Amino acid sequence: MFQRYNQEQIPRDRHPVGEAVLFAENLPSDKNRKTLEPLGAAILRMRLVASGEFMFESHRNDTVMKSLNARLALVFLVVVAAVACACSPQNYIVSRAADALSSDGGAFAQDDDPELVRDAVPFALKTMESLLARQPRHKGLLLSLSKGFTQYSAAFVLQDALEEEDLSARAEKILRARRLLLRAKNYGLRGLSVDHEGFASDISADPVKTAALAGLSEVPLLYWTSAAWSLAVSHSSGDPSMLADLPRCEALMRRALELDESYDSGAIHEYFIAFEGGRPAAMGGSMEKARRHFERALELSGERKVSPLVVYAETISVRTQNKKEFLELLDRALQFNARESAPEFTLANLVAQRRARWLKGRADDLFLE
């Protein structure tokens, strides 16, 4: 069971909620003291569940408690400040809880159990959406939701759809993935509109000029908005009008590349492996550019991410019908020790290896020889 604040089990001066309560006891109003503890406990539960940092009673120790104290100190100090000023703490709580949730992600990125993450992510996303309803212009939440829905859809919903053998079920799952990706795209555009009024509408009229408004701090929003949008377009074969959105996706990602090519250890270059290599020359594609993006992605990641290998195999090797290269790249990706060699990319590498296995199983369908 999850650990809860209980004065008999844990002294209040060794628990985040307890510390806040002790502080509040020095305030003049009895009402303040009665209000503070349940508010703090609610934030604590939400923070722990959404970030995946669960505390079990069997693992309770001073080190863990001190770590929790540090991470939650800001949230509770703000709550206390609000009460002490005789103001309603509600807005402070929502804002700081939003800050806390939108800054998380490391716990998931280093998780070595994709199925556990699959089950946990929807709750975290819905929690953030609930907070966003109260803080609709919270840029951090909008970024986290754009990123979260894109990752969840691509890693789980869409991959499940592609592996589905029943054609009807597969079509339904692809439609669901597309809806989630478009939700992610919309959150991203809302995030970019916070400091650039009209961004979401202007990107359709003049993609390059509008994308140029985004600054260095907005590279993550540019990347995840474009990634979600591009994936939605690529799985909208029944809606040709979606193809008109490709120049908008490209403008956002090229602006991100211009501002910070090293973002997320070469993730932007990975995107352009598929973007450049997946289009014929008549539509602006370039195999040579795709290869250069592949080499740069490997360099920026220190070859600690296997996704560039998988993307190149799926895009370039298949298009050039180089089956030998295709299998070599996928084997290289699968031989990588995803659970130990690069902790910061554990989950991403495991997800990429799942796709590598799926692609390898389809080799006979992908190559004519």
Protein backbone atom coordinates (compact mmCIF):
# COMPACT_ATOMS: atom_id res chain seq x y z
CA MET A 1 0.00 0.00 0.00
CA PHE A 2 1.08 3.57 -0.53
CA GLN A 3 2.52 5.27 2.50
CA ARG A 4 0.30 7.94 4.01
CA TYR A 5 1.01 10.59 6.57
CA ASN A 6 0.30 9.07 9.96
CA GLN A 7 1.63 10.81 13.06
CA GLU A 8 1.87 7.53 14.96
CA GLN A 9 4.02 5.92 12.26
CA ILE A 10 6.16 8.87 11.14
CA PRO A 11 7.09 11.88 13.28
CA ARG A 12 5.71 15.00 11.70
CA ASP A 13 9.12 16.65 11.51
CA ARG A 14 10.24 13.84 9.16
CA HIS A 15 7.40 13.97 6.65
CA PRO A 16 6.61 16.73 4.10
CA VAL A 17 2.97 17.00 5.12
CA GLY A 18 3.92 16.93 8.79
CA GLU A 19 6.48 19.69 8.36
CA ALA A 20 3.90 21.92 6.73
CA VAL A 21 1.44 21.19 9.52
CA LEU A 22 3.99 22.00 12.22
CA PHE A 23 4.67 25.30 10.50
CA ALA A 24 0.97 26.04 10.25
CA GLU A 25 0.46 25.44 13.96
CA ASN A 26 2.27 28.69 14.60
CA LEU A 27 -0.26 30.60 12.52
CA PRO A 28 -3.01 32.48 14.37
CA SER A 29 -6.04 30.90 12.72
CA ASP A 30 -7.38 27.45 13.65
CA LYS A 31 -8.99 27.33 10.23
CA ASN A 32 -5.61 27.58 8.57
CA ARG A 33 -4.30 24.57 10.45
CA LYS A 34 -7.35 22.49 9.58
CA THR A 35 -7.10 23.42 5.90
CA LEU A 36 -3.39 22.90 5.32
CA GLU A 37 -2.89 19.22 6.04
CA PRO A 38 -5.51 17.75 3.67
CA LEU A 39 -4.38 20.11 0.92
CA GLY A 40 -0.80 19.02 1.40
CA ALA A 41 -1.73 15.35 1.49
CA ALA A 42 -3.68 15.69 -1.76
CA ILE A 43 -0.73 17.27 -3.53
CA LEU A 44 1.60 14.62 -2.15
CA ARG A 45 -0.56 11.77 -3.46
CA MET A 46 -0.93 13.40 -6.86
CA ARG A 47 2.80 14.10 -7.13
CA LEU A 48 3.86 10.59 -6.18
CA VAL A 49 1.34 8.78 -8.36
CA ALA A 50 1.79 10.92 -11.45
CA SER A 51 5.59 10.82 -11.37
CA GLY A 52 5.77 7.10 -10.72
CA GLU A 53 7.76 7.69 -7.53
CA PHE A 54 5.74 5.38 -5.30
CA MET A 55 6.74 4.93 -1.67
CA PHE A 56 6.08 1.60 -0.06
CA GLU A 57 6.25 1.10 3.65
CA SER A 58 8.81 -1.67 3.27
CA HIS A 59 11.20 0.79 1.59
CA ARG A 60 10.81 3.71 3.98
CA ASN A 61 14.10 5.18 5.19
CA ASP A 62 15.71 8.50 6.03
CA THR A 63 17.28 8.92 2.61
CA VAL A 64 13.95 8.57 0.84
CA MET A 65 12.26 10.93 3.27
CA LYS A 66 14.93 13.59 2.80
CA SER A 67 14.65 13.26 -0.98
CA LEU A 68 10.89 13.69 -0.83
CA ASN A 69 11.25 16.67 1.48
CA ALA A 70 13.50 18.40 -1.02
CA ARG A 71 11.25 17.77 -4.00
CA LEU A 72 8.07 18.86 -2.26
CA ALA A 73 9.44 21.77 -0.24
CA LEU A 74 8.46 24.41 -2.79
CA VAL A 75 4.90 23.15 -3.11
CA PHE A 76 4.25 23.21 0.61
CA LEU A 77 6.00 26.50 1.30
CA VAL A 78 3.77 28.16 -1.27
CA VAL A 79 0.68 26.63 0.30
CA VAL A 80 1.77 27.86 3.73
CA ALA A 81 2.49 31.32 2.38
CA ALA A 82 -0.96 31.52 0.84
CA VAL A 83 -2.65 30.54 4.09
CA ALA A 84 -0.52 32.88 6.17
CA CYS A 85 -1.52 35.78 3.95
CA ALA A 86 -5.20 34.93 4.57
CA CYS A 87 -5.60 34.39 0.80
CA SER A 88 -7.33 31.50 -0.87
CA PRO A 89 -4.54 28.96 -1.51
CA GLN A 90 -6.41 27.27 -4.35
CA ASN A 91 -4.72 29.10 -7.22
CA TYR A 92 -1.31 28.70 -5.62
CA ILE A 93 -1.84 24.99 -5.13
CA VAL A 94 -3.04 24.36 -8.67
CA SER A 95 -0.19 26.38 -10.15
CA ARG A 96 2.53 24.71 -8.08
CA ALA A 97 1.08 21.25 -8.55
CA ALA A 98 1.06 21.96 -12.28
CA ASP A 99 4.70 23.04 -12.10
CA ALA A 100 5.62 19.88 -10.22
CA LEU A 101 3.84 17.50 -12.59
CA SER A 102 5.04 19.18 -15.76
CA SER A 103 8.66 18.97 -14.61
CA ASP A 104 8.57 15.18 -14.18
CA GLY A 105 9.47 12.52 -16.74
CA GLY A 106 12.81 11.15 -15.62
CA ALA A 107 11.20 8.34 -13.66
CA PHE A 108 9.44 7.07 -16.77
CA ALA A 109 12.43 7.55 -19.09
CA GLN A 110 14.59 5.30 -16.93
CA ASP A 111 11.95 2.63 -16.32
CA ASP A 112 12.82 -0.81 -17.66
CA ASP A 113 9.23 -2.09 -17.72
CA PRO A 114 7.34 -0.62 -20.69
CA GLU A 115 4.09 -2.32 -19.69
CA LEU A 116 4.19 -0.70 -16.25
CA VAL A 117 4.67 2.68 -17.89
CA ARG A 118 1.87 1.95 -20.37
CA ASP A 119 -0.53 1.41 -17.46
CA ALA A 120 0.66 4.46 -15.49
CA VAL A 121 0.81 7.11 -18.22
CA PRO A 122 -2.95 7.54 -18.88
CA PHE A 123 -3.58 8.47 -15.22
CA ALA A 124 -0.75 10.99 -15.29
CA LEU A 125 -2.05 12.52 -18.52
CA LYS A 126 -5.61 12.83 -17.22
CA THR A 127 -4.33 14.37 -13.98
CA MET A 128 -2.46 17.00 -15.98
CA GLU A 129 -5.52 17.65 -18.13
CA SER A 130 -7.56 18.25 -14.96
CA LEU A 131 -4.97 20.77 -13.77
CA LEU A 132 -4.86 22.40 -17.19
CA ALA A 133 -8.59 23.10 -16.95
CA ARG A 134 -7.72 25.42 -14.04
CA GLN A 135 -4.51 26.76 -15.59
CA PRO A 136 -5.28 26.81 -19.35
CA ARG A 137 -2.18 28.83 -20.27
CA HIS A 138 0.32 26.85 -18.21
CA LYS A 139 3.11 26.36 -20.73
CA GLY A 140 4.77 23.53 -18.81
CA LEU A 141 1.57 21.49 -18.68
CA LEU A 142 0.86 22.10 -22.36
CA LEU A 143 4.34 20.85 -23.26
CA SER A 144 4.07 17.80 -21.00
CA LEU A 145 0.69 16.91 -22.47
CA SER A 146 1.90 17.31 -26.05
CA LYS A 147 4.96 15.19 -25.31
CA GLY A 148 3.08 12.65 -23.20
CA PHE A 149 0.27 12.00 -25.65
CA THR A 150 2.73 11.74 -28.55
CA GLN A 151 4.93 9.23 -26.73
CA TYR A 152 2.02 7.18 -25.43
CA SER A 153 0.35 7.05 -28.82
CA ALA A 154 3.50 6.23 -30.79
CA ALA A 155 5.04 3.75 -28.36
CA PHE A 156 1.92 1.85 -27.40
CA VAL A 157 -1.35 2.65 -29.19
CA LEU A 158 0.07 2.96 -32.70
CA GLN A 159 2.53 0.09 -32.38
CA ASP A 160 -0.25 -2.14 -31.05
CA ALA A 161 -2.30 -1.18 -34.11
CA LEU A 162 0.48 -2.00 -36.54
CA GLU A 163 0.97 -5.42 -34.94
CA GLU A 164 -2.77 -6.18 -35.02
CA GLU A 165 -3.60 -8.93 -37.52
CA ASP A 166 -7.33 -8.30 -37.66
CA LEU A 167 -7.77 -5.56 -40.25
CA SER A 168 -10.92 -4.10 -38.70
CA ALA A 169 -9.40 -3.93 -35.23
CA ARG A 170 -6.23 -2.49 -36.70
CA ALA A 171 -8.14 0.31 -38.42
CA GLU A 172 -9.92 1.20 -35.18
CA LYS A 173 -6.66 1.33 -33.24
CA ILE A 174 -5.02 3.52 -35.87
CA LEU A 175 -7.97 5.92 -35.67
CA ARG A 176 -7.55 6.10 -31.90
CA ALA A 177 -3.81 6.73 -32.24
CA ARG A 178 -4.52 9.49 -34.74
CA ARG A 179 -7.00 11.16 -32.38
CA LEU A 180 -4.45 11.11 -29.56
CA LEU A 181 -1.75 12.49 -31.82
CA LEU A 182 -3.99 15.34 -32.94
CA ARG A 183 -4.74 16.06 -29.29
CA ALA A 184 -0.98 16.21 -28.67
CA LYS A 185 -0.56 18.54 -31.66
CA ASN A 186 -3.27 20.87 -30.37
CA TYR A 187 -1.70 21.04 -26.92
CA GLY A 188 1.61 21.90 -28.55
CA LEU A 189 0.09 24.69 -30.64
CA ARG A 190 -1.62 26.05 -27.53
CA GLY A 191 1.73 26.06 -25.76
CA LEU A 192 3.36 27.96 -28.62
CA SER A 193 0.45 30.43 -28.57
CA VAL A 194 0.99 31.39 -24.93
CA ASP A 195 3.72 33.89 -25.81
CA HIS A 196 2.80 34.31 -29.48
CA GLU A 197 -0.85 35.25 -29.82
CA GLY A 198 -2.45 33.72 -32.90
CA PHE A 199 0.35 31.20 -33.46
CA ALA A 200 -2.06 28.26 -33.88
CA SER A 201 -3.98 29.98 -36.67
CA ASP A 202 -1.06 31.78 -38.31
CA ILE A 203 0.95 28.58 -38.77
CA SER A 204 -1.52 27.53 -41.46
CA ALA A 205 -1.27 30.78 -43.41
CA ASP A 206 2.52 31.31 -43.25
CA PRO A 207 4.32 28.33 -41.64
CA VAL A 208 7.91 29.56 -42.01
CA LYS A 209 7.28 33.10 -40.78
CA THR A 210 5.16 31.90 -37.86
CA ALA A 211 7.60 29.18 -36.79
CA ALA A 212 10.37 31.80 -36.75
CA LEU A 213 8.62 33.51 -33.84
CA ALA A 214 9.55 30.64 -31.50
CA GLY A 215 12.69 31.01 -29.42
CA LEU A 216 15.29 28.66 -27.98
CA SER A 217 13.24 27.84 -24.87
CA GLU A 218 10.40 26.67 -27.11
CA VAL A 219 12.39 24.00 -28.97
CA PRO A 220 10.67 21.19 -27.00
CA LEU A 221 7.25 22.55 -27.99
CA LEU A 222 8.33 22.88 -31.62
CA TYR A 223 9.65 19.32 -31.64
CA TRP A 224 6.71 17.54 -30.00
CA THR A 225 4.08 19.55 -31.87
CA SER A 226 5.70 18.69 -35.19
CA ALA A 227 6.31 15.06 -34.24
CA ALA A 228 2.68 14.52 -33.23
CA TRP A 229 1.36 16.34 -36.28
CA SER A 230 3.63 14.43 -38.68
CA LEU A 231 2.64 11.05 -37.24
CA ALA A 232 -1.03 11.96 -37.52
CA VAL A 233 -0.53 12.93 -41.17
CA SER A 234 1.39 9.73 -41.97
CA HIS A 235 -1.49 7.63 -40.64
CA SER A 236 -4.29 9.54 -42.36
CA SER A 237 -4.37 7.74 -45.69
CA GLY A 238 -8.15 8.09 -45.72
CA ASP A 239 -7.90 11.89 -45.44
CA PRO A 240 -5.75 13.32 -48.27
CA SER A 241 -6.38 16.86 -47.01
CA MET A 242 -4.04 16.11 -44.11
CA LEU A 243 -1.12 16.09 -46.57
CA ALA A 244 -1.48 19.86 -46.78
CA ASP A 245 -0.24 20.02 -43.19
CA LEU A 246 3.20 18.59 -44.00
CA PRO A 247 4.76 22.01 -44.79
CA ARG A 248 3.59 23.20 -41.35
CA CYS A 249 5.16 20.18 -39.66
CA GLU A 250 8.38 20.79 -41.58
CA ALA A 251 8.49 24.50 -40.70
CA LEU A 252 8.18 23.77 -36.97
CA MET A 253 10.88 21.09 -37.00
CA ARG A 254 13.28 23.09 -39.14
CA ARG A 255 12.96 25.99 -36.71
CA ALA A 256 13.76 23.58 -33.87
CA LEU A 257 16.79 22.31 -35.79
CA GLU A 258 17.96 25.86 -36.41
CA LEU A 259 17.71 26.76 -32.72
CA ASP A 260 19.14 23.60 -31.12
CA GLU A 261 20.21 20.67 -33.26
CA SER A 262 21.32 18.73 -30.17
CA TYR A 263 17.87 18.69 -28.54
CA ASP A 264 17.19 15.37 -26.80
CA SER A 265 20.50 13.91 -27.98
CA GLY A 266 19.79 14.26 -31.67
CA ALA A 267 16.03 13.61 -31.77
CA ILE A 268 15.49 16.32 -34.39
CA HIS A 269 18.01 14.67 -36.71
CA GLU A 270 16.18 11.35 -36.22
CA TYR A 271 13.02 13.02 -37.45
CA PHE A 272 14.75 14.23 -40.59
CA ILE A 273 16.09 10.75 -41.38
CA ALA A 274 12.50 9.73 -42.04
CA PHE A 275 11.37 13.09 -43.42
CA GLU A 276 14.16 13.41 -46.00
CA GLY A 277 14.49 9.72 -46.76
CA GLY A 278 10.80 8.96 -46.96
CA ARG A 279 9.99 11.45 -49.73
CA PRO A 280 10.91 11.15 -53.41
CA ALA A 281 13.29 13.74 -54.84
CA ALA A 282 10.40 15.30 -56.75
CA MET A 283 8.81 16.21 -53.41
CA GLY A 284 12.02 17.57 -51.92
CA GLY A 285 13.37 14.38 -50.35
CA SER A 286 17.06 13.53 -50.33
CA MET A 287 18.71 10.22 -49.49
CA GLU A 288 22.04 11.96 -48.99
CA LYS A 289 20.55 14.42 -46.49
CA ALA A 290 18.89 11.53 -44.68
CA ARG A 291 22.25 9.77 -44.33
CA ARG A 292 23.87 12.91 -42.94
CA HIS A 293 21.07 13.28 -40.39
CA PHE A 294 21.57 9.62 -39.44
CA GLU A 295 25.28 10.12 -38.82
CA ARG A 296 24.66 13.28 -36.80
CA ALA A 297 21.95 11.60 -34.70
CA LEU A 298 24.36 8.81 -33.78
CA GLU A 299 27.06 11.33 -32.96
CA LEU A 300 24.86 13.48 -30.73
CA SER A 301 23.51 10.48 -28.85
CA GLY A 302 26.94 8.96 -28.39
CA GLU A 303 25.39 5.84 -29.95
CA ARG A 304 23.47 5.35 -26.71
CA LYS A 305 20.10 5.45 -28.50
CA VAL A 306 19.09 2.69 -30.89
CA SER A 307 16.21 4.56 -32.50
CA PRO A 308 18.37 6.13 -35.26
CA LEU A 309 19.33 2.61 -36.37
CA VAL A 310 15.71 1.52 -36.50
CA VAL A 311 14.50 4.65 -38.30
CA TYR A 312 17.26 4.40 -40.91
CA ALA A 313 16.60 0.70 -41.50
CA GLU A 314 12.85 1.23 -41.84
CA THR A 315 13.21 4.24 -44.12
CA ILE A 316 16.41 4.14 -46.16
CA SER A 317 17.21 0.43 -46.21
CA VAL A 318 13.67 -0.48 -47.24
CA ARG A 319 13.46 2.24 -49.87
CA THR A 320 16.78 1.19 -51.43
CA GLN A 321 15.82 -2.48 -51.01
CA ASN A 322 19.03 -3.18 -49.14
CA LYS A 323 17.94 -6.17 -47.08
CA LYS A 324 21.44 -6.96 -45.80
CA GLU A 325 21.84 -3.45 -44.38
CA PHE A 326 18.30 -3.59 -42.99
CA LEU A 327 18.96 -6.77 -41.00
CA GLU A 328 22.39 -5.62 -39.83
CA LEU A 329 21.03 -2.36 -38.45
CA LEU A 330 18.14 -4.06 -36.68
CA ASP A 331 20.45 -6.72 -35.20
CA ARG A 332 22.74 -3.96 -33.99
CA ALA A 333 19.80 -2.28 -32.30
CA LEU A 334 18.59 -5.52 -30.72
CA GLN A 335 22.04 -6.45 -29.40
CA PHE A 336 22.28 -3.20 -27.44
CA ASN A 337 21.87 -3.70 -23.68
CA ALA A 338 18.86 -1.42 -23.25
CA ARG A 339 18.45 -2.03 -19.53
CA GLU A 340 21.99 -1.21 -18.46
CA SER A 341 24.06 0.62 -21.08
CA ALA A 342 22.20 3.94 -21.18
CA PRO A 343 19.93 4.45 -18.13
CA GLU A 344 18.61 7.81 -19.32
CA PHE A 345 17.28 6.17 -22.50
CA THR A 346 16.15 2.83 -21.05
CA LEU A 347 12.47 3.11 -21.93
CA ALA A 348 13.07 4.70 -25.34
CA ASN A 349 15.54 1.97 -26.27
CA LEU A 350 13.20 -0.81 -25.17
CA VAL A 351 10.38 0.71 -27.23
CA ALA A 352 12.69 1.03 -30.25
CA GLN A 353 13.77 -2.60 -29.84
CA ARG A 354 10.14 -3.70 -29.87
CA ARG A 355 9.72 -1.97 -33.24
CA ALA A 356 12.98 -3.51 -34.47
CA ARG A 357 11.69 -7.00 -33.71
CA TRP A 358 8.43 -6.24 -35.47
CA LEU A 359 10.24 -4.92 -38.55
CA LYS A 360 12.58 -7.88 -38.65
CA GLY A 361 9.59 -10.21 -38.63
CA ARG A 362 8.21 -8.39 -41.69
CA ALA A 363 11.44 -8.55 -43.73
CA ASP A 364 10.00 -10.91 -46.33
CA ASP A 365 7.08 -8.56 -46.92
CA LEU A 366 9.29 -5.45 -47.17
CA PHE A 367 11.81 -6.79 -49.68
CA LEU A 368 11.11 -8.19 -53.12
CA GLU A 369 14.03 -10.63 -53.23
